[in-house]
PDB file of N, CA and C in Angstrom:
ATOM      1  N   MET A   1      -2.586   4.463  21.450  1.00  0.00           N
ATOM      2  CA  MET A   1      -3.343   5.062  20.115  1.00  0.00           C
ATOM      3  C   MET A   1      -3.116   4.006  19.348  1.00  0.00           C
ATOM      4  N   ASN A   2      -3.808   3.682  18.906  1.00  0.00           N
ATOM      5  CA  ASN A   2      -3.310   2.517  17.861  1.00  0.00           C
ATOM      6  C   ASN A   2      -3.972   2.921  16.197  1.00  0.00           C
ATOM      7  N   ILE A   3      -3.149   3.632  15.685  1.00  0.00           N
ATOM      8  CA  ILE A   3      -3.165   4.112  14.101  1.00  0.00           C
ATOM      9  C   ILE A   3      -2.600   3.136  12.850  1.00  0.00           C
ATOM     10  N   THR A   4      -4.091   3.062  12.152  1.00  0.00           N
ATOM     11  CA  THR A   4      -3.876   2.031  11.096  1.00  0.00           C
ATOM     12  C   THR A   4      -3.838   2.994   9.609  1.00  0.00           C
ATOM     13  N   MET A   5      -3.377   2.672   9.114  1.00  0.00           N
ATOM     14  CA  MET A   5      -3.109   3.316   7.211  1.00  0.00           C
ATOM     15  C   MET A   5      -4.796   3.480   7.300  1.00  0.00           C
ATOM     16  N   GLU A   6      -5.748   2.404   7.001  1.00  0.00           N
ATOM     17  CA  GLU A   6      -6.911   2.727   7.025  1.00  0.00           C
ATOM     18  C   GLU A   6      -7.554   4.590   7.119  1.00  0.00           C
ATOM     19  N   GLN A   7      -7.061   4.855   8.171  1.00  0.00           N
ATOM     20  CA  GLN A   7      -7.618   6.084   8.548  1.00  0.00           C
ATOM     21  C   GLN A   7      -7.206   7.289   7.729  1.00  0.00           C
ATOM     22  N   TYR A   8      -5.807   7.163   6.787  1.00  0.00           N
ATOM     23  CA  TYR A   8      -5.422   8.006   5.977  1.00  0.00           C
ATOM     24  C   TYR A   8      -6.007   8.115   4.626  1.00  0.00           C
ATOM     25  N   HIS A   9      -7.155   6.951   4.302  1.00  0.00           N
ATOM     26  CA  HIS A   9      -7.635   6.526   2.910  1.00  0.00           C
ATOM     27  C   HIS A   9      -8.451   7.669   2.564  1.00  0.00           C
ATOM     28  N   THR A  10      -8.934   7.871   1.615  1.00  0.00           N
ATOM     29  CA  THR A  10     -10.209   8.962   1.001  1.00  0.00           C
ATOM     30  C   THR A  10     -11.073   8.117   0.574  1.00  0.00           C
ATOM     31  N   TYR A  11     -11.973   7.454   1.406  1.00  0.00           N
ATOM     32  CA  TYR A  11     -13.476   7.060   0.418  1.00  0.00           C
ATOM     33  C   TYR A  11     -13.950   7.990   0.038  1.00  0.00           C
ATOM     34  N   LEU A  12     -14.994   7.174  -1.383  1.00  0.00           N
ATOM     35  CA  LEU A  12     -15.512   8.096  -2.141  1.00  0.00           C
ATOM     36  C   LEU A  12     -16.661   6.667  -2.181  1.00  0.00           C
ATOM     37  N   SER A  13     -18.141   6.842  -2.771  1.00  0.00           N
ATOM     38  CA  SER A  13     -18.748   6.215  -3.315  1.00  0.00           C
ATOM     39  C   SER A  13     -18.270   5.782  -4.914  1.00  0.00           C
ATOM     40  N   LEU A  14     -19.495   5.024  -5.418  1.00  0.00           N
ATOM     41  CA  LEU A  14     -18.521   5.194  -7.117  1.00  0.00           C
ATOM     42  C   LEU A  14     -19.745   6.357  -7.816  1.00  0.00           C
ATOM     43  N   TYR A  15     -20.929   6.593  -7.344  1.00  0.00           N
ATOM     44  CA  TYR A  15     -21.257   7.944  -7.554  1.00  0.00           C
ATOM     45  C   TYR A  15     -20.954   9.358  -7.533  1.00  0.00           C
ATOM     46  N   ASP A  16     -19.982   9.654  -6.484  1.00  0.00           N
ATOM     47  CA  ASP A  16     -19.076  10.480  -6.121  1.00  0.00           C
ATOM     48  C   ASP A  16     -17.591  10.201  -7.035  1.00  0.00           C
ATOM     49  N   TYR A  17     -17.046   9.091  -7.068  1.00  0.00           N
ATOM     50  CA  TYR A  17     -15.903   8.595  -7.781  1.00  0.00           C
ATOM     51  C   TYR A  17     -16.648   9.029  -8.902  1.00  0.00           C
ATOM     52  N   LEU A  18     -17.197   8.758  -9.881  1.00  0.00           N
ATOM     53  CA  LEU A  18     -17.459   8.890 -11.384  1.00  0.00           C
ATOM     54  C   LEU A  18     -18.464   9.734 -11.790  1.00  0.00           C
ATOM     55  N   GLY A  19     -19.181  10.592 -11.110  1.00  0.00           N
ATOM     56  CA  GLY A  19     -19.629  11.786 -11.337  1.00  0.00           C
ATOM     57  C   GLY A  19     -21.083  11.192 -11.691  1.00  0.00           C
ATOM     58  N   HIS A  20     -21.652  10.269 -11.808  1.00  0.00           N
ATOM     59  CA  HIS A  20     -22.896   9.568 -11.989  1.00  0.00           C
ATOM     60  C   HIS A  20     -23.323   8.357 -11.252  1.00  0.00           C
ATOM     61  N   ALA A  21     -24.294   8.071 -11.875  1.00  0.00           N
ATOM     62  CA  ALA A  21     -24.983   6.596 -10.942  1.00  0.00           C
ATOM     63  C   ALA A  21     -24.165   5.638 -11.566  1.00  0.00           C
ATOM     64  N   ALA A  22     -23.625   4.282 -10.835  1.00  0.00           N
ATOM     65  CA  ALA A  22     -22.870   3.391 -11.420  1.00  0.00           C
ATOM     66  C   ALA A  22     -23.811   2.121 -11.916  1.00  0.00           C
ATOM     67  N   GLY A  23     -24.835   2.123 -11.167  1.00  0.00           N
ATOM     68  CA  GLY A  23     -25.839   0.631 -11.657  1.00  0.00           C
ATOM     69  C   GLY A  23     -25.703  -0.262 -10.692  1.00  0.00           C
ATOM     70  N   GLN A  24     -26.188  -1.583 -10.848  1.00  0.00           N
ATOM     71  CA  GLN A  24     -26.479  -2.167  -9.898  1.00  0.00           C
ATOM     72  C   GLN A  24     -25.037  -3.032 -10.470  1.00  0.00           C
ATOM     73  N   GLN A  25     -24.960  -3.511 -11.786  1.00  0.00           N
ATOM     74  CA  GLN A  25     -24.323  -4.273 -12.141  1.00  0.00           C
ATOM     75  C   GLN A  25     -22.653  -4.011 -12.193  1.00  0.00           C
ATOM     76  N   LEU A  26     -22.520  -2.603 -12.249  1.00  0.00           N
ATOM     77  CA  LEU A  26     -21.188  -2.067 -12.105  1.00  0.00           C
ATOM     78  C   LEU A  26     -20.659  -2.321 -10.299  1.00  0.00           C
ATOM     79  N   GLY A  27     -21.697  -1.618  -9.837  1.00  0.00           N
ATOM     80  CA  GLY A  27     -21.512  -1.639  -8.200  1.00  0.00           C
ATOM     81  C   GLY A  27     -21.098  -3.172  -7.569  1.00  0.00           C
ATOM     82  N   ALA A  28     -21.680  -4.180  -8.342  1.00  0.00           N
ATOM     83  CA  ALA A  28     -21.566  -5.296  -7.937  1.00  0.00           C
ATOM     84  C   ALA A  28     -20.141  -5.954  -8.532  1.00  0.00           C
ATOM     85  N   LYS A  29     -19.894  -5.391  -9.584  1.00  0.00           N
ATOM     86  CA  LYS A  29     -18.098  -6.123  -9.958  1.00  0.00           C
ATOM     87  C   LYS A  29     -17.423  -5.230  -9.301  1.00  0.00           C
ATOM     88  N   VAL A  30     -17.047  -4.560  -8.724  1.00  0.00           N
ATOM     89  CA  VAL A  30     -16.443  -3.549  -7.603  1.00  0.00           C
ATOM     90  C   VAL A  30     -16.803  -3.658  -6.330  1.00  0.00           C
ATOM     91  N   ALA A  31     -17.525  -4.385  -5.842  1.00  0.00           N
ATOM     92  CA  ALA A  31     -17.637  -5.294  -4.767  1.00  0.00           C
ATOM     93  C   ALA A  31     -16.827  -5.978  -4.754  1.00  0.00           C
ATOM     94  N   GLY A  32     -17.325  -7.318  -5.617  1.00  0.00           N
ATOM     95  CA  GLY A  32     -16.526  -8.497  -5.861  1.00  0.00           C
ATOM     96  C   GLY A  32     -14.726  -7.932  -6.144  1.00  0.00           C
ATOM     97  N   GLU A  33     -14.849  -7.276  -6.628  1.00  0.00           N
ATOM     98  CA  GLU A  33     -13.177  -7.117  -6.917  1.00  0.00           C
ATOM     99  C   GLU A  33     -12.639  -6.813  -5.508  1.00  0.00           C
ATOM    100  N   ALA A  34     -13.062  -5.597  -4.923  1.00  0.00           N
ATOM    101  CA  ALA A  34     -13.158  -5.199  -3.539  1.00  0.00           C
ATOM    102  C   ALA A  34     -12.613  -6.288  -2.283  1.00  0.00           C
ATOM    103  N   THR A  35     -14.162  -7.400  -2.157  1.00  0.00           N
ATOM    104  CA  THR A  35     -14.020  -8.648  -1.303  1.00  0.00           C
ATOM    105  C   THR A  35     -12.711  -9.575  -2.112  1.00  0.00           C
ATOM    106  N   ARG A  36     -12.815  -9.436  -3.107  1.00  0.00           N
ATOM    107  CA  ARG A  36     -11.264 -10.650  -3.526  1.00  0.00           C
ATOM    108  C   ARG A  36     -10.247 -10.220  -2.990  1.00  0.00           C
ATOM    109  N   ARG A  37      -9.919  -8.843  -3.282  1.00  0.00           N
ATOM    110  CA  ARG A  37      -8.397  -8.122  -2.634  1.00  0.00           C
ATOM    111  C   ARG A  37      -8.295  -7.941  -1.314  1.00  0.00           C
ATOM    112  N   ASN A  38      -9.405  -8.229  -0.546  1.00  0.00           N
ATOM    113  CA  ASN A  38      -9.729  -7.604   0.857  1.00  0.00           C
ATOM    114  C   ASN A  38      -9.573  -6.466   1.038  1.00  0.00           C
ATOM    115  N   ILE A  39      -9.977  -5.603   0.222  1.00  0.00           N
ATOM    116  CA  ILE A  39     -10.179  -3.673   0.259  1.00  0.00           C
ATOM    117  C   ILE A  39     -11.261  -3.611   1.726  1.00  0.00           C
ATOM    118  N   PRO A  40     -10.697  -2.929   2.084  1.00  0.00           N
ATOM    119  CA  PRO A  40     -11.713  -2.120   3.309  1.00  0.00           C
ATOM    120  C   PRO A  40     -12.816  -0.859   2.388  1.00  0.00           C
ATOM    121  N   TYR A  41     -13.978  -1.131   3.194  1.00  0.00           N
ATOM    122  CA  TYR A  41     -14.804  -0.374   3.148  1.00  0.00           C
ATOM    123  C   TYR A  41     -15.705   0.697   3.637  1.00  0.00           C
ATOM    124  N   ARG A  42     -16.413   1.491   3.528  1.00  0.00           N
ATOM    125  CA  ARG A  42     -17.637   1.738   4.771  1.00  0.00           C
ATOM    126  C   ARG A  42     -18.456   2.386   3.587  1.00  0.00           C
ATOM    127  N   GLU A  43     -19.486   2.222   4.701  1.00  0.00           N
ATOM    128  CA  GLU A  43     -20.783   2.552   4.196  1.00  0.00           C
ATOM    129  C   GLU A  43     -21.342   3.729   4.872  1.00  0.00           C
ATOM    130  N   ARG A  44     -22.502   4.426   3.856  1.00  0.00           N
ATOM    131  CA  ARG A  44     -23.304   5.474   3.704  1.00  0.00           C
ATOM    132  C   ARG A  44     -24.667   5.473   3.544  1.00  0.00           C
ATOM    133  N   ASP A  45     -25.758   5.892   4.290  1.00  0.00           N
ATOM    134  CA  ASP A  45     -27.022   5.910   3.868  1.00  0.00           C
ATOM    135  C   ASP A  45     -27.046   7.115   2.983  1.00  0.00           C
ATOM    136  N   VAL A  46     -27.564   6.863   2.190  1.00  0.00           N
ATOM    137  CA  VAL A  46     -28.049   7.801   1.261  1.00  0.00           C
ATOM    138  C   VAL A  46     -30.009   7.959   1.198  1.00  0.00           C
ATOM    139  N   SER A  47     -30.407   8.992   0.561  1.00  0.00           N
ATOM    140  CA  SER A  47     -31.795   9.546   0.354  1.00  0.00           C
ATOM    141  C   SER A  47     -31.782  10.448  -0.434  1.00  0.00           C
ATOM    142  N   ASN A  48     -32.326  10.087  -1.803  1.00  0.00           N
ATOM    143  CA  ASN A  48     -32.561  11.572  -2.636  1.00  0.00           C
ATOM    144  C   ASN A  48     -33.780  10.775  -3.616  1.00  0.00           C
ATOM    145  N   PRO A  49     -34.264  11.572  -4.384  1.00  0.00           N
ATOM    146  CA  PRO A  49     -35.150  10.803  -4.951  1.00  0.00           C
ATOM    147  C   PRO A  49     -35.021   9.863  -6.292  1.00  0.00           C
ATOM    148  N   ALA A  50     -33.721   9.723  -6.328  1.00  0.00           N
ATOM    149  CA  ALA A  50     -33.132   8.730  -7.474  1.00  0.00           C
ATOM    150  C   ALA A  50     -32.920   7.276  -6.942  1.00  0.00           C
ATOM    151  N   TYR A  51     -32.453   7.158  -5.568  1.00  0.00           N
ATOM    152  CA  TYR A  51     -31.923   6.407  -4.701  1.00  0.00           C
ATOM    153  C   TYR A  51     -32.289   6.180  -3.048  1.00  0.00           C
ATOM    154  N   SER A  52     -32.272   5.192  -2.477  1.00  0.00           N
ATOM    155  CA  SER A  52     -32.539   5.549  -1.044  1.00  0.00           C
ATOM    156  C   SER A  52     -31.698   4.461  -0.443  1.00  0.00           C
ATOM    157  N   GLY A  53     -31.042   4.403   0.336  1.00  0.00           N
ATOM    158  CA  GLY A  53     -30.331   3.372   0.904  1.00  0.00           C
ATOM    159  C   GLY A  53     -29.233   3.143   1.004  1.00  0.00           C
ATOM    160  N   THR A  54     -28.352   2.142   1.304  1.00  0.00           N
ATOM    161  CA  THR A  54     -27.196   2.352   1.958  1.00  0.00           C
ATOM    162  C   THR A  54     -26.109   2.012   0.531  1.00  0.00           C
ATOM    163  N   VAL A  55     -25.140   3.003   0.564  1.00  0.00           N
ATOM    164  CA  VAL A  55     -23.803   2.774  -0.595  1.00  0.00           C
ATOM    165  C   VAL A  55     -22.457   2.608   0.034  1.00  0.00           C
ATOM    166  N   LYS A  56     -21.753   1.632  -0.905  1.00  0.00           N
ATOM    167  CA  LYS A  56     -20.095   1.296  -0.031  1.00  0.00           C
ATOM    168  C   LYS A  56     -19.602   2.460  -0.553  1.00  0.00           C
ATOM    169  N   MET A  57     -18.382   2.817  -0.041  1.00  0.00           N
ATOM    170  CA  MET A  57     -17.187   3.267  -0.422  1.00  0.00           C
ATOM    171  C   MET A  57     -15.902   3.207   0.212  1.00  0.00           C
ATOM    172  N   TYR A  58     -15.232   2.517  -1.127  1.00  0.00           N
ATOM    173  CA  TYR A  58     -13.877   2.359  -1.375  1.00  0.00           C
ATOM    174  C   TYR A  58     -12.855   3.330  -1.345  1.00  0.00           C
ATOM    175  N   PRO A  59     -11.674   2.817  -0.519  1.00  0.00           N
ATOM    176  CA  PRO A  59     -10.781   4.071  -0.822  1.00  0.00           C
ATOM    177  C   PRO A  59     -10.444   4.168  -2.696  1.00  0.00           C
ATOM    178  N   ILE A  60      -9.733   5.859  -2.377  1.00  0.00           N
ATOM    179  CA  ILE A  60      -9.894   6.070  -3.842  1.00  0.00           C
ATOM    180  C   ILE A  60      -8.657   5.621  -4.746  1.00  0.00           C
ATOM    181  N   GLU A  61      -7.533   5.268  -4.130  1.00  0.00           N
ATOM    182  CA  GLU A  61      -6.624   4.857  -4.643  1.00  0.00           C
ATOM    183  C   GLU A  61      -6.613   3.378  -5.631  1.00  0.00           C
ATOM    184  N   PHE A  62      -7.982   2.459  -4.608  1.00  0.00           N
ATOM    185  CA  PHE A  62      -8.275   0.933  -5.062  1.00  0.00           C
ATOM    186  C   PHE A  62      -9.383   1.624  -6.435  1.00  0.00           C
ATOM    187  N   LEU A  63     -10.117   2.055  -6.351  1.00  0.00           N
ATOM    188  CA  LEU A  63     -11.237   3.114  -7.730  1.00  0.00           C
ATOM    189  C   LEU A  63     -10.003   3.621  -8.602  1.00  0.00           C
ATOM    190  N   ASP A  64      -8.934   4.458  -8.557  1.00  0.00           N
ATOM    191  CA  ASP A  64      -7.924   5.038  -9.277  1.00  0.00           C
ATOM    192  C   ASP A  64      -7.713   3.387 -10.231  1.00  0.00           C
ATOM    193  N   GLU A  65      -7.285   2.468  -9.628  1.00  0.00           N
ATOM    194  CA  GLU A  65      -7.092   1.542  -9.954  1.00  0.00           C
ATOM    195  C   GLU A  65      -7.521   0.167 -10.927  1.00  0.00           C
ATOM    196  N   TYR A  66      -8.640   0.302 -10.242  1.00  0.00           N
ATOM    197  CA  TYR A  66      -9.570  -0.777 -10.836  1.00  0.00           C
ATOM    198  C   TYR A  66     -10.165  -0.046 -12.182  1.00  0.00           C
ATOM    199  N   PHE A  67     -10.559   1.420 -11.891  1.00  0.00           N
ATOM    200  CA  PHE A  67     -11.203   1.714 -13.083  1.00  0.00           C
ATOM    201  C   PHE A  67      -9.968   2.138 -13.953  1.00  0.00           C
ATOM    202  N   LYS A  68      -8.833   2.167 -14.203  1.00  0.00           N
ATOM    203  CA  LYS A  68      -7.601   2.381 -15.300  1.00  0.00           C
ATOM    204  C   LYS A  68      -7.692   1.333 -15.822  1.00  0.00           C
ATOM    205  N   LYS A  69      -7.604  -0.001 -14.946  1.00  0.00           N
ATOM    206  CA  LYS A  69      -7.390  -1.492 -15.517  1.00  0.00           C
ATOM    207  C   LYS A  69      -8.572  -1.106 -16.416  1.00  0.00           C
ATOM    208  N   ASP A  70      -9.841  -1.219 -15.977  1.00  0.00           N
ATOM    209  CA  ASP A  70     -11.342  -1.169 -17.167  1.00  0.00           C
ATOM    210  C   ASP A  70     -10.909  -0.509 -18.035  1.00  0.00           C
ATOM    211  N   VAL A  71     -10.251   1.011 -18.135  1.00  0.00           N
ATOM    212  CA  VAL A  71     -10.189   1.667 -19.470  1.00  0.00           C
ATOM    213  C   VAL A  71      -9.043   1.115 -20.278  1.00  0.00           C
ATOM    214  N   MET A  72      -8.171   0.469 -19.479  1.00  0.00           N
ATOM    215  CA  MET A  72      -7.051  -0.230 -20.811  1.00  0.00           C
ATOM    216  C   MET A  72      -7.513  -1.427 -21.251  1.00  0.00           C
ATOM    217  N   ARG A  73      -8.164  -1.816 -20.414  1.00  0.00           N
ATOM    218  CA  ARG A  73      -9.116  -3.414 -21.321  1.00  0.00           C
ATOM    219  C   ARG A  73     -10.028  -2.774 -22.633  1.00  0.00           C
ATOM    220  N   LYS A  74     -10.759  -1.669 -22.531  1.00  0.00           N
ATOM    221  CA  LYS A  74     -11.562  -1.159 -22.982  1.00  0.00           C
ATOM    222  C   LYS A  74     -10.664  -0.227 -24.577  1.00  0.00           C
ATOM    223  N   GLN A  75      -9.740   0.147 -24.255  1.00  0.00           N
ATOM    224  CA  GLN A  75      -8.869   0.459 -25.095  1.00  0.00           C
ATOM    225  C   GLN A  75      -8.360  -0.791 -25.770  1.00  0.00           C
ATOM    226  N   THR A  76      -7.740  -1.269 -25.201  1.00  0.00           N
ATOM    227  CA  THR A  76      -7.210  -2.561 -26.246  1.00  0.00           C
ATOM    228  C   THR A  76      -7.992  -3.619 -26.693  1.00  0.00           C
ATOM    229  N   ASP A  77      -9.345  -4.003 -26.124  1.00  0.00           N
ATOM    230  CA  ASP A  77     -10.475  -4.460 -27.050  1.00  0.00           C
ATOM    231  C   ASP A  77     -10.724  -3.520 -28.582  1.00  0.00           C
ATOM    232  N   SER A  78     -10.936  -2.072 -28.229  1.00  0.00           N
ATOM    233  CA  SER A  78     -10.949  -1.372 -29.175  1.00  0.00           C
ATOM    234  C   SER A  78     -10.113  -1.818 -30.181  1.00  0.00           C
ATOM    235  N   PHE A  79      -8.884  -1.191 -29.931  1.00  0.00           N
ATOM    236  CA  PHE A  79      -7.887  -1.641 -30.564  1.00  0.00           C
ATOM    237  C   PHE A  79      -7.498  -2.598 -31.419  1.00  0.00           C
ATOM    238  N   SER A  80      -7.888  -3.677 -30.807  1.00  0.00           N
ATOM    239  CA  SER A  80      -8.068  -5.564 -31.243  1.00  0.00           C
ATOM    240  C   SER A  80      -8.789  -5.589 -32.263  1.00  0.00           C
ATOM    241  N   SER A  81     -10.141  -4.603 -32.295  1.00  0.00           N
ATOM    242  CA  SER A  81     -11.497  -4.642 -32.988  1.00  0.00           C
ATOM    243  C   SER A  81     -10.868  -4.038 -34.586  1.00  0.00           C
ATOM    244  N   VAL A  82     -10.335  -3.326 -34.363  1.00  0.00           N
ATOM    245  CA  VAL A  82      -9.917  -1.758 -35.423  1.00  0.00           C
ATOM    246  C   VAL A  82      -8.809  -3.100 -36.282  1.00  0.00           C
ATOM    247  N   VAL A  83      -7.965  -3.031 -35.458  1.00  0.00           N
ATOM    248  CA  VAL A  83      -6.828  -4.178 -36.562  1.00  0.00           C
ATOM    249  C   VAL A  83      -7.347  -5.596 -36.640  1.00  0.00           C
ATOM    250  N   GLY A  84      -8.075  -6.170 -36.404  1.00  0.00           N
ATOM    251  CA  GLY A  84      -8.736  -7.425 -36.821  1.00  0.00           C
ATOM    252  C   GLY A  84      -9.541  -6.939 -38.068  1.00  0.00           C
ATOM    253  N   ASN A  85     -10.036  -5.579 -38.371  1.00  0.00           N
ATOM    254  CA  ASN A  85     -10.789  -4.978 -39.254  1.00  0.00           C
ATOM    255  C   ASN A  85      -9.847  -5.160 -40.432  1.00  0.00           C
ATOM    256  N   VAL A  86      -8.872  -4.776 -40.276  1.00  0.00           N
ATOM    257  CA  VAL A  86      -8.151  -3.882 -41.389  1.00  0.00           C
ATOM    258  C   VAL A  86      -6.934  -5.495 -42.236  1.00  0.00           C
ATOM    259  N   GLU A  87      -7.170  -6.526 -41.403  1.00  0.00           N
ATOM    260  CA  GLU A  87      -6.300  -7.327 -41.774  1.00  0.00           C
ATOM    261  C   GLU A  87      -7.076  -7.928 -42.596  1.00  0.00           C
TER     262      GLU A  87
END
């Protein structure tokens, strides 16, 4: 039996990870970064009143890293704008 590390990842959609719809723009950014880094993903078909179609699911470790960097960048930008206003 050939076992790969991919089998041990927990995969989540952006909706499941964030707790709300991510939208096309954020979805495209995450997909682009995953592609750039050769991150494996899975797909799931969903159908509800708000959306019907296929969604991508990514390893939770990738999502943790991606959104941690995004939060840190936003905090740095906010800090820079506050410091810039003080000068």
